[in-house]
Amino acid sequence: MQYFWLIQIFSPFFFWTSPPVQVVLVVVVVVVVVVVAVAAVAVAVVVVVVVVSSSCSSSSSSIVVVVVAAAVVIVIVVVVVVVVVVVVVVVVVVVVVVVVVVVVVVVVVVVVVVVVVVVL
């Protein structure tokens, strides 16, 4: 019981870095990013449909407008996909780094406690 203060200090840290909590955090971040990506693509499609429908009255430039609108949608989709991939990779890397840091901290704390107990 003499090391109870140590457990109290590290318990919030261990809670946020425990594997179940990390998995939940990763899932939440991925779901939010995917929802934002789908919303961005939906907005892009709606904008393109509005632009195309408003420009169809002048038939001479309607093909150009459709091509430009399609290019805009493709660019938006590519940017959203790249952002989603980068965010997911960053989250996974952060989780791995946090888990490694936790393991190192636990090992150091255990070694220090054992050394102190053995010496004293």
C-alpha atoms as a PDB file:
ATOM      1  CA  MET A   1       0.000   0.000   0.000  1.00  0.00           C
ATOM      2  CA  GLN A   2       2.981   2.342   0.227  1.00  0.00           C
ATOM      3  CA  TYR A   3       2.930   2.739  -3.582  1.00  0.00           C
ATOM      4  CA  PHE A   4      -0.762   3.603  -3.751  1.00  0.00           C
ATOM      5  CA  TRP A   5       0.048   7.244  -4.653  1.00  0.00           C
ATOM      6  CA  LEU A   6       1.924   5.964  -7.700  1.00  0.00           C
ATOM      7  CA  ILE A   7      -1.140   4.080  -8.917  1.00  0.00           C
ATOM      8  CA  GLN A   8      -3.305   7.160  -8.362  1.00  0.00           C
ATOM      9  CA  ILE A   9      -0.936   9.346 -10.394  1.00  0.00           C
ATOM     10  CA  PHE A  10      -0.794   6.990 -13.372  1.00  0.00           C
ATOM     11  CA  SER A  11      -4.383   5.682 -13.399  1.00  0.00           C
ATOM     12  CA  PRO A  12      -5.849   8.377 -15.740  1.00  0.00           C
ATOM     13  CA  PHE A  13      -2.853   7.938 -18.031  1.00  0.00           C
ATOM     14  CA  PHE A  14      -3.354   4.177 -18.095  1.00  0.00           C
ATOM     15  CA  PHE A  15      -7.085   4.609 -18.701  1.00  0.00           C
ATOM     16  CA  TRP A  16      -6.583   6.722 -21.840  1.00  0.00           C
ATOM     17  CA  THR A  17      -3.816   4.488 -23.109  1.00  0.00           C
ATOM     18  CA  SER A  18      -5.433   1.146 -22.384  1.00  0.00           C
ATOM     19  CA  PRO A  19      -6.061  -0.905 -25.547  1.00  0.00           C
ATOM     20  CA  PRO A  20      -9.914  -0.921 -25.326  1.00  0.00           C
ATOM     21  CA  VAL A  21     -10.028   2.871 -24.938  1.00  0.00           C
ATOM     22  CA  GLN A  22      -7.500   3.307 -27.755  1.00  0.00           C
ATOM     23  CA  VAL A  23      -9.593   1.092 -30.044  1.00  0.00           C
ATOM     24  CA  VAL A  24     -12.723   3.095 -29.229  1.00  0.00           C
ATOM     25  CA  LEU A  25     -10.887   6.375 -29.875  1.00  0.00           C
ATOM     26  CA  VAL A  26      -9.576   5.107 -33.226  1.00  0.00           C
ATOM     27  CA  VAL A  27     -13.048   3.924 -34.254  1.00  0.00           C
ATOM     28  CA  VAL A  28     -14.600   7.269 -33.272  1.00  0.00           C
ATOM     29  CA  VAL A  29     -11.989   9.242 -35.221  1.00  0.00           C
ATOM     30  CA  VAL A  30     -12.362   7.018 -38.298  1.00  0.00           C
ATOM     31  CA  VAL A  31     -16.177   7.266 -38.199  1.00  0.00           C
ATOM     32  CA  VAL A  32     -16.064  11.069 -37.863  1.00  0.00           C
ATOM     33  CA  VAL A  33     -13.575  11.385 -40.715  1.00  0.00           C
ATOM     34  CA  VAL A  34     -15.631   9.102 -42.973  1.00  0.00           C
ATOM     35  CA  VAL A  35     -18.842  11.023 -42.193  1.00  0.00           C
ATOM     36  CA  VAL A  36     -17.125  14.326 -42.983  1.00  0.00           C
ATOM     37  CA  ALA A  37     -15.739  12.840 -46.213  1.00  0.00           C
ATOM     38  CA  VAL A  38     -19.162  11.600 -47.319  1.00  0.00           C
ATOM     39  CA  ALA A  39     -20.686  14.983 -46.486  1.00  0.00           C
ATOM     40  CA  ALA A  40     -18.009  16.782 -48.522  1.00  0.00           C
ATOM     41  CA  VAL A  41     -18.608  14.532 -51.528  1.00  0.00           C
ATOM     42  CA  ALA A  42     -22.380  15.007 -51.204  1.00  0.00           C
ATOM     43  CA  VAL A  43     -21.995  18.790 -51.104  1.00  0.00           C
ATOM     44  CA  ALA A  44     -19.728  18.657 -54.161  1.00  0.00           C
ATOM     45  CA  VAL A  45     -22.265  16.569 -56.079  1.00  0.00           C
ATOM     46  CA  VAL A  46     -25.114  18.916 -55.130  1.00  0.00           C
ATOM     47  CA  VAL A  47     -23.083  21.952 -56.248  1.00  0.00           C
ATOM     48  CA  VAL A  48     -22.284  20.270 -59.543  1.00  0.00           C
ATOM     49  CA  VAL A  49     -25.918  19.328 -60.131  1.00  0.00           C
ATOM     50  CA  VAL A  50     -27.043  22.887 -59.406  1.00  0.00           C
ATOM     51  CA  VAL A  51     -24.398  24.373 -61.699  1.00  0.00           C
ATOM     52  CA  VAL A  52     -25.145  21.911 -64.492  1.00  0.00           C
ATOM     53  CA  SER A  53     -28.901  22.365 -64.227  1.00  0.00           C
ATOM     54  CA  SER A  54     -28.621  26.157 -64.215  1.00  0.00           C
ATOM     55  CA  SER A  55     -26.298  26.190 -67.209  1.00  0.00           C
ATOM     56  CA  CYS A  56     -28.265  23.764 -69.339  1.00  0.00           C
ATOM     57  CA  SER A  57     -30.346  26.634 -70.679  1.00  0.00           C
ATOM     58  CA  SER A  58     -27.419  27.664 -72.851  1.00  0.00           C
ATOM     59  CA  SER A  59     -26.710  24.487 -74.774  1.00  0.00           C
ATOM     60  CA  SER A  60     -23.474  25.715 -76.375  1.00  0.00           C
ATOM     61  CA  SER A  61     -21.493  25.754 -73.114  1.00  0.00           C
ATOM     62  CA  SER A  62     -23.264  22.907 -71.319  1.00  0.00           C
ATOM     63  CA  ILE A  63     -20.641  20.296 -72.293  1.00  0.00           C
ATOM     64  CA  VAL A  64     -17.830  22.493 -70.962  1.00  0.00           C
ATOM     65  CA  VAL A  65     -19.728  23.085 -67.721  1.00  0.00           C
ATOM     66  CA  VAL A  66     -20.347  19.334 -67.296  1.00  0.00           C
ATOM     67  CA  VAL A  67     -16.659  18.542 -67.880  1.00  0.00           C
ATOM     68  CA  VAL A  68     -15.519  21.240 -65.437  1.00  0.00           C
ATOM     69  CA  ALA A  69     -18.073  20.136 -62.861  1.00  0.00           C
ATOM     70  CA  ALA A  70     -16.975  16.514 -63.200  1.00  0.00           C
ATOM     71  CA  ALA A  71     -13.346  17.573 -62.781  1.00  0.00           C
ATOM     72  CA  VAL A  72     -14.236  19.530 -59.643  1.00  0.00           C
ATOM     73  CA  VAL A  73     -16.032  16.520 -58.163  1.00  0.00           C
ATOM     74  CA  ILE A  74     -13.075  14.240 -58.976  1.00  0.00           C
ATOM     75  CA  VAL A  75     -10.628  16.676 -57.346  1.00  0.00           C
ATOM     76  CA  ILE A  76     -12.802  16.994 -54.233  1.00  0.00           C
ATOM     77  CA  VAL A  77     -13.160  13.202 -53.947  1.00  0.00           C
ATOM     78  CA  VAL A  78      -9.392  12.685 -54.341  1.00  0.00           C
ATOM     79  CA  VAL A  79      -8.604  15.352 -51.735  1.00  0.00           C
ATOM     80  CA  VAL A  80     -11.139  13.871 -49.293  1.00  0.00           C
ATOM     81  CA  VAL A  81      -9.765  10.345 -49.776  1.00  0.00           C
ATOM     82  CA  VAL A  82      -6.191  11.557 -49.226  1.00  0.00           C
ATOM     83  CA  VAL A  83      -7.213  13.436 -46.072  1.00  0.00           C
ATOM     84  CA  VAL A  84      -9.077  10.372 -44.743  1.00  0.00           C
ATOM     85  CA  VAL A  85      -6.064   8.117 -45.360  1.00  0.00           C
ATOM     86  CA  VAL A  86      -3.657  10.605 -43.750  1.00  0.00           C
ATOM     87  CA  VAL A  87      -5.866  11.047 -40.677  1.00  0.00           C
ATOM     88  CA  VAL A  88      -6.285   7.292 -40.220  1.00  0.00           C
ATOM     89  CA  VAL A  89      -2.530   6.696 -40.591  1.00  0.00           C
ATOM     90  CA  VAL A  90      -1.736   9.508 -38.138  1.00  0.00           C
ATOM     91  CA  VAL A  91      -4.228   8.144 -35.596  1.00  0.00           C
ATOM     92  CA  VAL A  92      -2.794   4.629 -35.886  1.00  0.00           C
ATOM     93  CA  VAL A  93       0.783   5.938 -35.549  1.00  0.00           C
ATOM     94  CA  VAL A  94      -0.184   8.026 -32.511  1.00  0.00           C
ATOM     95  CA  VAL A  95      -1.849   4.993 -30.904  1.00  0.00           C
ATOM     96  CA  VAL A  96       1.252   2.863 -31.520  1.00  0.00           C
ATOM     97  CA  VAL A  97       3.544   5.592 -30.137  1.00  0.00           C
ATOM     98  CA  VAL A  98       1.348   6.044 -27.067  1.00  0.00           C
ATOM     99  CA  VAL A  99       1.304   2.301 -26.396  1.00  0.00           C
ATOM    100  CA  VAL A 100       5.113   2.135 -26.737  1.00  0.00           C
ATOM    101  CA  VAL A 101       5.506   5.121 -24.392  1.00  0.00           C
ATOM    102  CA  VAL A 102       3.177   3.490 -21.861  1.00  0.00           C
ATOM    103  CA  VAL A 103       5.137   0.246 -21.979  1.00  0.00           C
ATOM    104  CA  VAL A 104       8.426   2.128 -21.511  1.00  0.00           C
ATOM    105  CA  VAL A 105       7.005   4.183 -18.618  1.00  0.00           C
ATOM    106  CA  VAL A 106       5.624   1.064 -16.933  1.00  0.00           C
ATOM    107  CA  VAL A 107       8.938  -0.758 -17.310  1.00  0.00           C
ATOM    108  CA  VAL A 108      10.886   2.220 -15.940  1.00  0.00           C
ATOM    109  CA  VAL A 109       8.506   2.645 -13.000  1.00  0.00           C
ATOM    110  CA  VAL A 110       8.637  -1.062 -12.174  1.00  0.00           C
ATOM    111  CA  VAL A 111      12.441  -1.100 -12.390  1.00  0.00           C
ATOM    112  CA  VAL A 112      12.708   1.997 -10.168  1.00  0.00           C
ATOM    113  CA  VAL A 113      10.278   0.567  -7.614  1.00  0.00           C
ATOM    114  CA  VAL A 114      12.093  -2.775  -7.574  1.00  0.00           C
ATOM    115  CA  VAL A 115      15.479  -1.072  -7.198  1.00  0.00           C
ATOM    116  CA  VAL A 116      14.173   1.137  -4.375  1.00  0.00           C
ATOM    117  CA  VAL A 117      12.621  -1.850  -2.592  1.00  0.00           C
ATOM    118  CA  VAL A 118      15.761  -3.949  -2.985  1.00  0.00           C
ATOM    119  CA  VAL A 119      18.075  -1.133  -1.884  1.00  0.00           C
ATOM    120  CA  LEU A 120      15.913  -0.131   1.069  1.00  0.00           C
END
